[in-house]
Amino acid sequence: MSEAESKAKTAAGGHGSMPAALKAYWSIGGKGGDTLIRWGEGGDYDRCVVELSKHVNPAQVHGLCGNLHESNLHISTAEHKKLLSGGDSHSNTSAALIKTRPTY
């Protein structure tokens, strides 16, 4: 079992919160977040769903990915989609945040 599988299976027990180590792994700066999901790039939420679906309860994956998306980018998936498509967003800082996504 890979490190990603092991960490994701830890979350599969599902008590409504994600363990800190798992959140770090799937976040910006973590191996899973940077190499597999690539937060801030178009399709990040969909990549999250694909990757975490391999390891967690399907009933929880969309909620986990939504929470990770907002935790990492500080905007909802809907706001992110608007920004990437050139639409307006109600958040004045969202576009700057995504454009300045840290690289590790």
PDB file of N, CA and C in Angstrom:
ATOM      1  N   MET A   1       0.861  -1.182   0.000  1.00  0.00           N
ATOM      2  CA  MET A   1       0.000   0.000   0.000  1.00  0.00           C
ATOM      3  C   MET A   1       0.901   1.238   0.000  1.00  0.00           C
ATOM      4  N   SER A   2       0.600   2.180  -0.880  1.00  0.00           N
ATOM      5  CA  SER A   2       1.392   3.399  -0.967  1.00  0.00           C
ATOM      6  C   SER A   2       1.101   4.322   0.218  1.00  0.00           C
ATOM      7  N   GLU A   3       1.943   5.311   0.379  1.00  0.00           N
ATOM      8  CA  GLU A   3       1.750   6.298   1.443  1.00  0.00           C
ATOM      9  C   GLU A   3       0.419   7.039   1.258  1.00  0.00           C
ATOM     10  N   ALA A   4       0.094   7.386   0.018  1.00  0.00           N
ATOM     11  CA  ALA A   4      -1.167   8.092  -0.258  1.00  0.00           C
ATOM     12  C   ALA A   4      -2.358   7.231   0.111  1.00  0.00           C
ATOM     13  N   GLU A   5      -2.306   5.950  -0.257  1.00  0.00           N
ATOM     14  CA  GLU A   5      -3.409   5.041   0.066  1.00  0.00           C
ATOM     15  C   GLU A   5      -3.573   4.894   1.570  1.00  0.00           C
ATOM     16  N   SER A   6      -2.467   4.753   2.257  1.00  0.00           N
ATOM     17  CA  SER A   6      -2.517   4.608   3.704  1.00  0.00           C
ATOM     18  C   SER A   6      -3.127   5.831   4.369  1.00  0.00           C
ATOM     19  N   LYS A   7      -2.704   7.002   3.940  1.00  0.00           N
ATOM     20  CA  LYS A   7      -3.221   8.239   4.533  1.00  0.00           C
ATOM     21  C   LYS A   7      -4.682   8.450   4.188  1.00  0.00           C
ATOM     22  N   ALA A   8      -5.064   8.128   2.971  1.00  0.00           N
ATOM     23  CA  ALA A   8      -6.461   8.306   2.580  1.00  0.00           C
ATOM     24  C   ALA A   8      -7.364   7.313   3.303  1.00  0.00           C
ATOM     25  N   LYS A   9      -6.883   6.102   3.508  1.00  0.00           N
ATOM     26  CA  LYS A   9      -7.689   5.110   4.213  1.00  0.00           C
ATOM     27  C   LYS A   9      -7.900   5.527   5.660  1.00  0.00           C
ATOM     28  N   THR A  10      -6.965   6.256   6.235  1.00  0.00           N
ATOM     29  CA  THR A  10      -7.137   6.757   7.582  1.00  0.00           C
ATOM     30  C   THR A  10      -8.378   7.633   7.657  1.00  0.00           C
ATOM     31  N   ALA A  11      -8.615   8.411   6.627  1.00  0.00           N
ATOM     32  CA  ALA A  11      -9.785   9.295   6.596  1.00  0.00           C
ATOM     33  C   ALA A  11     -11.066   8.527   6.320  1.00  0.00           C
ATOM     34  N   ALA A  12     -10.944   7.358   5.756  1.00  0.00           N
ATOM     35  CA  ALA A  12     -12.132   6.603   5.372  1.00  0.00           C
ATOM     36  C   ALA A  12     -12.977   6.189   6.567  1.00  0.00           C
ATOM     37  N   GLY A  13     -12.384   6.163   7.745  1.00  0.00           N
ATOM     38  CA  GLY A  13     -13.150   5.849   8.938  1.00  0.00           C
ATOM     39  C   GLY A  13     -14.241   6.870   9.160  1.00  0.00           C
ATOM     40  N   GLY A  14     -14.013   8.062   8.706  1.00  0.00           N
ATOM     41  CA  GLY A  14     -14.984   9.131   8.621  1.00  0.00           C
ATOM     42  C   GLY A  14     -15.752   9.469   9.870  1.00  0.00           C
ATOM     43  N   HIS A  15     -15.236  10.383  10.621  1.00  0.00           N
ATOM     44  CA  HIS A  15     -15.963  10.903  11.775  1.00  0.00           C
ATOM     45  C   HIS A  15     -16.275  12.372  11.569  1.00  0.00           C
ATOM     46  N   GLY A  16     -16.286  12.809  10.329  1.00  0.00           N
ATOM     47  CA  GLY A  16     -16.631  14.177  10.014  1.00  0.00           C
ATOM     48  C   GLY A  16     -15.462  15.135   9.980  1.00  0.00           C
ATOM     49  N   SER A  17     -14.278  14.683  10.384  1.00  0.00           N
ATOM     50  CA  SER A  17     -13.115  15.560  10.304  1.00  0.00           C
ATOM     51  C   SER A  17     -11.943  14.766   9.740  1.00  0.00           C
ATOM     52  N   MET A  18     -11.035  15.477   9.160  1.00  0.00           N
ATOM     53  CA  MET A  18      -9.886  14.863   8.524  1.00  0.00           C
ATOM     54  C   MET A  18      -8.680  14.972   9.458  1.00  0.00           C
ATOM     55  N   PRO A  19      -7.959  13.889   9.688  1.00  0.00           N
ATOM     56  CA  PRO A  19      -6.760  13.964  10.520  1.00  0.00           C
ATOM     57  C   PRO A  19      -5.761  14.977   9.946  1.00  0.00           C
ATOM     58  N   ALA A  20      -5.024  15.638  10.824  1.00  0.00           N
ATOM     59  CA  ALA A  20      -4.087  16.695  10.417  1.00  0.00           C
ATOM     60  C   ALA A  20      -3.056  16.194   9.401  1.00  0.00           C
ATOM     61  N   ALA A  21      -2.533  14.996   9.599  1.00  0.00           N
ATOM     62  CA  ALA A  21      -1.514  14.477   8.673  1.00  0.00           C
ATOM     63  C   ALA A  21      -2.096  14.258   7.282  1.00  0.00           C
ATOM     64  N   LEU A  22      -3.321  13.784   7.229  1.00  0.00           N
ATOM     65  CA  LEU A  22      -3.977  13.574   5.941  1.00  0.00           C
ATOM     66  C   LEU A  22      -4.252  14.898   5.255  1.00  0.00           C
ATOM     67  N   LYS A  23      -4.748  15.856   6.018  1.00  0.00           N
ATOM     68  CA  LYS A  23      -5.024  17.182   5.445  1.00  0.00           C
ATOM     69  C   LYS A  23      -3.736  17.794   4.896  1.00  0.00           C
ATOM     70  N   ALA A  24      -2.649  17.653   5.628  1.00  0.00           N
ATOM     71  CA  ALA A  24      -1.366  18.204   5.171  1.00  0.00           C
ATOM     72  C   ALA A  24      -0.916  17.530   3.877  1.00  0.00           C
ATOM     73  N   TYR A  25      -1.080  16.225   3.772  1.00  0.00           N
ATOM     74  CA  TYR A  25      -0.667  15.480   2.583  1.00  0.00           C
ATOM     75  C   TYR A  25      -1.427  15.945   1.344  1.00  0.00           C
ATOM     76  N   TRP A  26      -2.731  16.186   1.474  1.00  0.00           N
ATOM     77  CA  TRP A  26      -3.561  16.558   0.333  1.00  0.00           C
ATOM     78  C   TRP A  26      -3.679  18.066   0.151  1.00  0.00           C
ATOM     79  N   SER A  27      -2.914  18.858   0.884  1.00  0.00           N
ATOM     80  CA  SER A  27      -2.970  20.316   0.793  1.00  0.00           C
ATOM     81  C   SER A  27      -1.786  20.865   0.010  1.00  0.00           C
ATOM     82  N   ILE A  28      -1.828  22.157  -0.274  1.00  0.00           N
ATOM     83  CA  ILE A  28      -0.696  22.821  -0.915  1.00  0.00           C
ATOM     84  C   ILE A  28       0.522  22.640  -0.019  1.00  0.00           C
ATOM     85  N   GLY A  29       1.605  22.191  -0.608  1.00  0.00           N
ATOM     86  CA  GLY A  29       2.822  21.914   0.149  1.00  0.00           C
ATOM     87  C   GLY A  29       2.963  20.444   0.490  1.00  0.00           C
ATOM     88  N   GLY A  30       1.868  19.691   0.381  1.00  0.00           N
ATOM     89  CA  GLY A  30       1.906  18.253   0.629  1.00  0.00           C
ATOM     90  C   GLY A  30       2.101  17.503  -0.674  1.00  0.00           C
ATOM     91  N   LYS A  31       2.638  16.312  -0.564  1.00  0.00           N
ATOM     92  CA  LYS A  31       2.938  15.516  -1.756  1.00  0.00           C
ATOM     93  C   LYS A  31       1.705  15.280  -2.628  1.00  0.00           C
ATOM     94  N   GLY A  32       0.598  14.899  -2.033  1.00  0.00           N
ATOM     95  CA  GLY A  32      -0.627  14.649  -2.803  1.00  0.00           C
ATOM     96  C   GLY A  32      -1.227  15.915  -3.376  1.00  0.00           C
ATOM     97  N   GLY A  33      -1.202  16.989  -2.594  1.00  0.00           N
ATOM     98  CA  GLY A  33      -1.788  18.250  -3.043  1.00  0.00           C
ATOM     99  C   GLY A  33      -1.034  18.890  -4.185  1.00  0.00           C
ATOM    100  N   ASP A  34       0.280  18.800  -4.132  1.00  0.00           N
ATOM    101  CA  ASP A  34       1.093  19.454  -5.158  1.00  0.00           C
ATOM    102  C   ASP A  34       1.277  18.611  -6.415  1.00  0.00           C
ATOM    103  N   THR A  35       1.452  17.307  -6.265  1.00  0.00           N
ATOM    104  CA  THR A  35       1.746  16.493  -7.443  1.00  0.00           C
ATOM    105  C   THR A  35       0.511  15.877  -8.085  1.00  0.00           C
ATOM    106  N   LEU A  36      -0.483  15.537  -7.287  1.00  0.00           N
ATOM    107  CA  LEU A  36      -1.659  14.865  -7.843  1.00  0.00           C
ATOM    108  C   LEU A  36      -2.822  15.813  -8.110  1.00  0.00           C
ATOM    109  N   ILE A  37      -3.075  16.728  -7.190  1.00  0.00           N
ATOM    110  CA  ILE A  37      -4.240  17.605  -7.324  1.00  0.00           C
ATOM    111  C   ILE A  37      -3.879  18.932  -7.978  1.00  0.00           C
ATOM    112  N   ARG A  38      -2.738  19.487  -7.635  1.00  0.00           N
ATOM    113  CA  ARG A  38      -2.282  20.774  -8.178  1.00  0.00           C
ATOM    114  C   ARG A  38      -3.320  21.868  -7.928  1.00  0.00           C
ATOM    115  N   TRP A  39      -3.544  22.152  -6.641  1.00  0.00           N
ATOM    116  CA  TRP A  39      -4.525  23.164  -6.237  1.00  0.00           C
ATOM    117  C   TRP A  39      -4.264  24.487  -6.929  1.00  0.00           C
ATOM    118  N   GLY A  40      -5.321  25.129  -7.353  1.00  0.00           N
ATOM    119  CA  GLY A  40      -5.235  26.437  -8.004  1.00  0.00           C
ATOM    120  C   GLY A  40      -5.260  26.357  -9.514  1.00  0.00           C
ATOM    121  N   GLU A  41      -5.002  25.179 -10.055  1.00  0.00           N
ATOM    122  CA  GLU A  41      -5.083  24.979 -11.497  1.00  0.00           C
ATOM    123  C   GLU A  41      -6.481  24.491 -11.852  1.00  0.00           C
ATOM    124  N   GLY A  42      -6.919  24.777 -13.054  1.00  0.00           N
ATOM    125  CA  GLY A  42      -8.221  24.301 -13.502  1.00  0.00           C
ATOM    126  C   GLY A  42      -8.343  22.797 -13.356  1.00  0.00           C
ATOM    127  N   GLY A  43      -9.493  22.329 -12.885  1.00  0.00           N
ATOM    128  CA  GLY A  43      -9.730  20.905 -12.724  1.00  0.00           C
ATOM    129  C   GLY A  43      -9.243  20.332 -11.412  1.00  0.00           C
ATOM    130  N   ASP A  44      -8.778  21.201 -10.500  1.00  0.00           N
ATOM    131  CA  ASP A  44      -8.228  20.701  -9.236  1.00  0.00           C
ATOM    132  C   ASP A  44      -9.251  19.917  -8.419  1.00  0.00           C
ATOM    133  N   TYR A  45     -10.485  20.403  -8.346  1.00  0.00           N
ATOM    134  CA  TYR A  45     -11.517  19.698  -7.592  1.00  0.00           C
ATOM    135  C   TYR A  45     -11.783  18.319  -8.209  1.00  0.00           C
ATOM    136  N   ASP A  46     -11.871  18.269  -9.521  1.00  0.00           N
ATOM    137  CA  ASP A  46     -12.121  16.989 -10.196  1.00  0.00           C
ATOM    138  C   ASP A  46     -10.967  16.012  -9.957  1.00  0.00           C
ATOM    139  N   ARG A  47      -9.729  16.505  -9.992  1.00  0.00           N
ATOM    140  CA  ARG A  47      -8.585  15.636  -9.716  1.00  0.00           C
ATOM    141  C   ARG A  47      -8.639  15.136  -8.276  1.00  0.00           C
ATOM    142  N   CYS A  48      -9.063  16.000  -7.365  1.00  0.00           N
ATOM    143  CA  CYS A  48      -9.205  15.600  -5.969  1.00  0.00           C
ATOM    144  C   CYS A  48     -10.208  14.457  -5.852  1.00  0.00           C
ATOM    145  N   VAL A  49     -11.356  14.601  -6.496  1.00  0.00           N
ATOM    146  CA  VAL A  49     -12.390  13.562  -6.436  1.00  0.00           C
ATOM    147  C   VAL A  49     -11.850  12.246  -6.998  1.00  0.00           C
ATOM    148  N   VAL A  50     -11.154  12.300  -8.106  1.00  0.00           N
ATOM    149  CA  VAL A  50     -10.600  11.081  -8.710  1.00  0.00           C
ATOM    150  C   VAL A  50      -9.604  10.426  -7.756  1.00  0.00           C
ATOM    151  N   GLU A  51      -8.675  11.206  -7.224  1.00  0.00           N
ATOM    152  CA  GLU A  51      -7.629  10.642  -6.365  1.00  0.00           C
ATOM    153  C   GLU A  51      -8.193  10.110  -5.047  1.00  0.00           C
ATOM    154  N   LEU A  52      -9.018  10.887  -4.376  1.00  0.00           N
ATOM    155  CA  LEU A  52      -9.539  10.448  -3.086  1.00  0.00           C
ATOM    156  C   LEU A  52     -10.584   9.346  -3.215  1.00  0.00           C
ATOM    157  N   SER A  53     -11.253   9.266  -4.374  1.00  0.00           N
ATOM    158  CA  SER A  53     -12.240   8.194  -4.591  1.00  0.00           C
ATOM    159  C   SER A  53     -11.590   6.817  -4.548  1.00  0.00           C
ATOM    160  N   LYS A  54     -10.304   6.763  -4.804  1.00  0.00           N
ATOM    161  CA  LYS A  54      -9.580   5.491  -4.758  1.00  0.00           C
ATOM    162  C   LYS A  54      -9.444   4.984  -3.323  1.00  0.00           C
ATOM    163  N   HIS A  55      -9.639   5.886  -2.346  1.00  0.00           N
ATOM    164  CA  HIS A  55      -9.271   5.551  -0.972  1.00  0.00           C
ATOM    165  C   HIS A  55     -10.349   5.770   0.080  1.00  0.00           C
ATOM    166  N   VAL A  56     -11.340   6.604  -0.204  1.00  0.00           N
ATOM    167  CA  VAL A  56     -12.324   6.938   0.830  1.00  0.00           C
ATOM    168  C   VAL A  56     -13.735   6.540   0.414  1.00  0.00           C
ATOM    169  N   ASN A  57     -14.622   6.557   1.363  1.00  0.00           N
ATOM    170  CA  ASN A  57     -16.023   6.265   1.141  1.00  0.00           C
ATOM    171  C   ASN A  57     -16.568   7.215   0.077  1.00  0.00           C
ATOM    172  N   PRO A  58     -17.158   6.692  -0.997  1.00  0.00           N
ATOM    173  CA  PRO A  58     -17.687   7.561  -2.062  1.00  0.00           C
ATOM    174  C   PRO A  58     -18.693   8.603  -1.558  1.00  0.00           C
ATOM    175  N   ALA A  59     -19.381   8.301  -0.493  1.00  0.00           N
ATOM    176  CA  ALA A  59     -20.347   9.255   0.054  1.00  0.00           C
ATOM    177  C   ALA A  59     -19.665  10.458   0.699  1.00  0.00           C
ATOM    178  N   GLN A  60     -18.373  10.341   0.978  1.00  0.00           N
ATOM    179  CA  GLN A  60     -17.643  11.422   1.644  1.00  0.00           C
ATOM    180  C   GLN A  60     -16.716  12.208   0.731  1.00  0.00           C
ATOM    181  N   VAL A  61     -16.405  11.682  -0.437  1.00  0.00           N
ATOM    182  CA  VAL A  61     -15.345  12.257  -1.256  1.00  0.00           C
ATOM    183  C   VAL A  61     -15.646  13.684  -1.710  1.00  0.00           C
ATOM    184  N   HIS A  62     -16.871  13.987  -2.102  1.00  0.00           N
ATOM    185  CA  HIS A  62     -17.173  15.338  -2.578  1.00  0.00           C
ATOM    186  C   HIS A  62     -17.067  16.356  -1.444  1.00  0.00           C
ATOM    187  N   GLY A  63     -17.513  15.986  -0.271  1.00  0.00           N
ATOM    188  CA  GLY A  63     -17.388  16.881   0.879  1.00  0.00           C
ATOM    189  C   GLY A  63     -15.940  17.109   1.267  1.00  0.00           C
ATOM    190  N   LEU A  64     -15.150  16.032   1.269  1.00  0.00           N
ATOM    191  CA  LEU A  64     -13.729  16.155   1.592  1.00  0.00           C
ATOM    192  C   LEU A  64     -13.022  17.071   0.596  1.00  0.00           C
ATOM    193  N   CYS A  65     -13.292  16.866  -0.688  1.00  0.00           N
ATOM    194  CA  CYS A  65     -12.630  17.677  -1.711  1.00  0.00           C
ATOM    195  C   CYS A  65     -13.098  19.129  -1.670  1.00  0.00           C
ATOM    196  N   GLY A  66     -14.373  19.348  -1.409  1.00  0.00           N
ATOM    197  CA  GLY A  66     -14.866  20.714  -1.258  1.00  0.00           C
ATOM    198  C   GLY A  66     -14.200  21.418  -0.091  1.00  0.00           C
ATOM    199  N   ASN A  67     -14.085  20.710   1.033  1.00  0.00           N
ATOM    200  CA  ASN A  67     -13.423  21.291   2.201  1.00  0.00           C
ATOM    201  C   ASN A  67     -11.950  21.559   1.935  1.00  0.00           C
ATOM    202  N   LEU A  68     -11.273  20.617   1.287  1.00  0.00           N
ATOM    203  CA  LEU A  68      -9.862  20.826   0.954  1.00  0.00           C
ATOM    204  C   LEU A  68      -9.684  22.003  -0.003  1.00  0.00           C
ATOM    205  N   HIS A  69     -10.577  22.111  -0.978  1.00  0.00           N
ATOM    206  CA  HIS A  69     -10.506  23.213  -1.948  1.00  0.00           C
ATOM    207  C   HIS A  69     -10.604  24.556  -1.229  1.00  0.00           C
ATOM    208  N   GLU A  70     -11.598  24.693  -0.370  1.00  0.00           N
ATOM    209  CA  GLU A  70     -11.765  25.972   0.335  1.00  0.00           C
ATOM    210  C   GLU A  70     -10.642  26.223   1.326  1.00  0.00           C
ATOM    211  N   SER A  71     -10.150  25.181   1.959  1.00  0.00           N
ATOM    212  CA  SER A  71      -9.054  25.327   2.912  1.00  0.00           C
ATOM    213  C   SER A  71      -7.774  25.787   2.218  1.00  0.00           C
ATOM    214  N   ASN A  72      -7.522  25.272   1.028  1.00  0.00           N
ATOM    215  CA  ASN A  72      -6.296  25.610   0.311  1.00  0.00           C
ATOM    216  C   ASN A  72      -6.372  26.923  -0.448  1.00  0.00           C
ATOM    217  N   LEU A  73      -7.511  27.203  -1.066  1.00  0.00           N
ATOM    218  CA  LEU A  73      -7.606  28.382  -1.924  1.00  0.00           C
ATOM    219  C   LEU A  73      -8.431  29.518  -1.326  1.00  0.00           C
ATOM    220  N   HIS A  74      -9.118  29.230  -0.246  1.00  0.00           N
ATOM    221  CA  HIS A  74      -9.941  30.226   0.446  1.00  0.00           C
ATOM    222  C   HIS A  74     -11.088  30.748  -0.412  1.00  0.00           C
ATOM    223  N   ILE A  75     -11.516  29.930  -1.362  1.00  0.00           N
ATOM    224  CA  ILE A  75     -12.683  30.253  -2.185  1.00  0.00           C
ATOM    225  C   ILE A  75     -13.423  28.954  -2.497  1.00  0.00           C
ATOM    226  N   SER A  76     -14.684  29.084  -2.835  1.00  0.00           N
ATOM    227  CA  SER A  76     -15.470  27.903  -3.190  1.00  0.00           C
ATOM    228  C   SER A  76     -15.095  27.424  -4.592  1.00  0.00           C
ATOM    229  N   THR A  77     -15.520  26.219  -4.906  1.00  0.00           N
ATOM    230  CA  THR A  77     -15.272  25.697  -6.250  1.00  0.00           C
ATOM    231  C   THR A  77     -16.001  26.529  -7.303  1.00  0.00           C
ATOM    232  N   ALA A  78     -17.186  27.039  -6.966  1.00  0.00           N
ATOM    233  CA  ALA A  78     -17.935  27.879  -7.913  1.00  0.00           C
ATOM    234  C   ALA A  78     -17.197  29.187  -8.188  1.00  0.00           C
ATOM    235  N   GLU A  79     -16.661  29.824  -7.142  1.00  0.00           N
ATOM    236  CA  GLU A  79     -15.889  31.059  -7.340  1.00  0.00           C
ATOM    237  C   GLU A  79     -14.651  30.782  -8.181  1.00  0.00           C
ATOM    238  N   HIS A  80     -13.994  29.671  -7.908  1.00  0.00           N
ATOM    239  CA  HIS A  80     -12.777  29.318  -8.642  1.00  0.00           C
ATOM    240  C   HIS A  80     -13.088  29.124 -10.125  1.00  0.00           C
ATOM    241  N   LYS A  81     -14.174  28.433 -10.419  1.00  0.00           N
ATOM    242  CA  LYS A  81     -14.565  28.210 -11.806  1.00  0.00           C
ATOM    243  C   LYS A  81     -14.820  29.538 -12.518  1.00  0.00           C
ATOM    244  N   LYS A  82     -15.490  30.477 -11.829  1.00  0.00           N
ATOM    245  CA  LYS A  82     -15.741  31.802 -12.414  1.00  0.00           C
ATOM    246  C   LYS A  82     -14.428  32.514 -12.718  1.00  0.00           C
ATOM    247  N   LEU A  83     -13.503  32.471 -11.768  1.00  0.00           N
ATOM    248  CA  LEU A  83     -12.220  33.151 -11.960  1.00  0.00           C
ATOM    249  C   LEU A  83     -11.447  32.561 -13.130  1.00  0.00           C
ATOM    250  N   LEU A  84     -11.435  31.247 -13.234  1.00  0.00           N
ATOM    251  CA  LEU A  84     -10.692  30.606 -14.316  1.00  0.00           C
ATOM    252  C   LEU A  84     -11.318  30.844 -15.683  1.00  0.00           C
ATOM    253  N   SER A  85     -12.629  31.090 -15.691  1.00  0.00           N
ATOM    254  CA  SER A  85     -13.304  31.339 -16.970  1.00  0.00           C
ATOM    255  C   SER A  85     -13.389  32.834 -17.295  1.00  0.00           C
ATOM    256  N   GLY A  86     -12.810  33.664 -16.426  1.00  0.00           N
ATOM    257  CA  GLY A  86     -12.801  35.094 -16.673  1.00  0.00           C
ATOM    258  C   GLY A  86     -14.025  35.815 -16.173  1.00  0.00           C
ATOM    259  N   GLY A  87     -14.892  35.122 -15.441  1.00  0.00           N
ATOM    260  CA  GLY A  87     -16.103  35.737 -14.901  1.00  0.00           C
ATOM    261  C   GLY A  87     -15.826  36.562 -13.665  1.00  0.00           C
ATOM    262  N   ASP A  88     -16.844  37.257 -13.221  1.00  0.00           N
ATOM    263  CA  ASP A  88     -16.719  38.068 -12.021  1.00  0.00           C
ATOM    264  C   ASP A  88     -16.828  37.194 -10.787  1.00  0.00           C
ATOM    265  N   SER A  89     -16.206  37.659  -9.712  1.00  0.00           N
ATOM    266  CA  SER A  89     -16.320  36.983  -8.426  1.00  0.00           C
ATOM    267  C   SER A  89     -16.611  38.034  -7.378  1.00  0.00           C
ATOM    268  N   HIS A  90     -17.301  37.648  -6.344  1.00  0.00           N
ATOM    269  CA  HIS A  90     -17.613  38.589  -5.268  1.00  0.00           C
ATOM    270  C   HIS A  90     -16.427  38.819  -4.349  1.00  0.00           C
ATOM    271  N   SER A  91     -15.419  38.004  -4.470  1.00  0.00           N
ATOM    272  CA  SER A  91     -14.255  38.132  -3.610  1.00  0.00           C
ATOM    273  C   SER A  91     -13.172  38.930  -4.324  1.00  0.00           C
ATOM    274  N   ASN A  92     -12.718  40.010  -3.714  1.00  0.00           N
ATOM    275  CA  ASN A  92     -11.700  40.857  -4.325  1.00  0.00           C
ATOM    276  C   ASN A  92     -10.313  40.240  -4.279  1.00  0.00           C
ATOM    277  N   THR A  93     -10.092  39.320  -3.347  1.00  0.00           N
ATOM    278  CA  THR A  93      -8.751  38.766  -3.186  1.00  0.00           C
ATOM    279  C   THR A  93      -8.577  37.411  -3.835  1.00  0.00           C
ATOM    280  N   SER A  94      -9.645  36.796  -4.297  1.00  0.00           N
ATOM    281  CA  SER A  94      -9.566  35.435  -4.804  1.00  0.00           C
ATOM    282  C   SER A  94      -8.647  35.300  -6.005  1.00  0.00           C
ATOM    283  N   ALA A  95      -8.770  36.187  -6.976  1.00  0.00           N
ATOM    284  CA  ALA A  95      -7.955  36.080  -8.186  1.00  0.00           C
ATOM    285  C   ALA A  95      -6.473  36.220  -7.849  1.00  0.00           C
ATOM    286  N   ALA A  96      -6.130  37.143  -6.987  1.00  0.00           N
ATOM    287  CA  ALA A  96      -4.736  37.324  -6.604  1.00  0.00           C
ATOM    288  C   ALA A  96      -4.211  36.100  -5.874  1.00  0.00           C
ATOM    289  N   LEU A  97      -5.051  35.496  -5.042  1.00  0.00           N
ATOM    290  CA  LEU A  97      -4.633  34.325  -4.298  1.00  0.00           C
ATOM    291  C   LEU A  97      -4.294  33.184  -5.240  1.00  0.00           C
ATOM    292  N   ILE A  98      -5.127  32.936  -6.208  1.00  0.00           N
ATOM    293  CA  ILE A  98      -4.884  31.837  -7.137  1.00  0.00           C
ATOM    294  C   ILE A  98      -3.675  32.119  -8.006  1.00  0.00           C
ATOM    295  N   LYS A  99      -3.520  33.344  -8.455  1.00  0.00           N
ATOM    296  CA  LYS A  99      -2.384  33.676  -9.309  1.00  0.00           C
ATOM    297  C   LYS A  99      -1.063  33.607  -8.561  1.00  0.00           C
ATOM    298  N   THR A 100      -1.104  33.734  -7.231  1.00  0.00           N
ATOM    299  CA  THR A 100       0.127  33.703  -6.457  1.00  0.00           C
ATOM    300  C   THR A 100       0.274  32.404  -5.687  1.00  0.00           C
ATOM    301  N   ARG A 101      -0.358  31.336  -6.185  1.00  0.00           N
ATOM    302  CA  ARG A 101      -0.267  30.032  -5.532  1.00  0.00           C
ATOM    303  C   ARG A 101       1.195  29.686  -5.361  1.00  0.00           C
ATOM    304  N   PRO A 102       1.591  29.338  -4.143  1.00  0.00           N
ATOM    305  CA  PRO A 102       3.001  29.004  -3.929  1.00  0.00           C
ATOM    306  C   PRO A 102       3.404  27.735  -4.673  1.00  0.00           C
ATOM    307  N   THR A 103       4.624  27.705  -5.136  1.00  0.00           N
ATOM    308  CA  THR A 103       5.162  26.497  -5.748  1.00  0.00           C
ATOM    309  C   THR A 103       6.247  25.959  -4.835  1.00  0.00           C
ATOM    310  N   TYR A 104       6.295  24.676  -4.727  1.00  0.00           N
ATOM    311  CA  TYR A 104       7.274  24.026  -3.826  1.00  0.00           C
ATOM    312  C   TYR A 104       8.153  23.089  -4.593  1.00  0.00           C
TER     313      TYR A 104
END
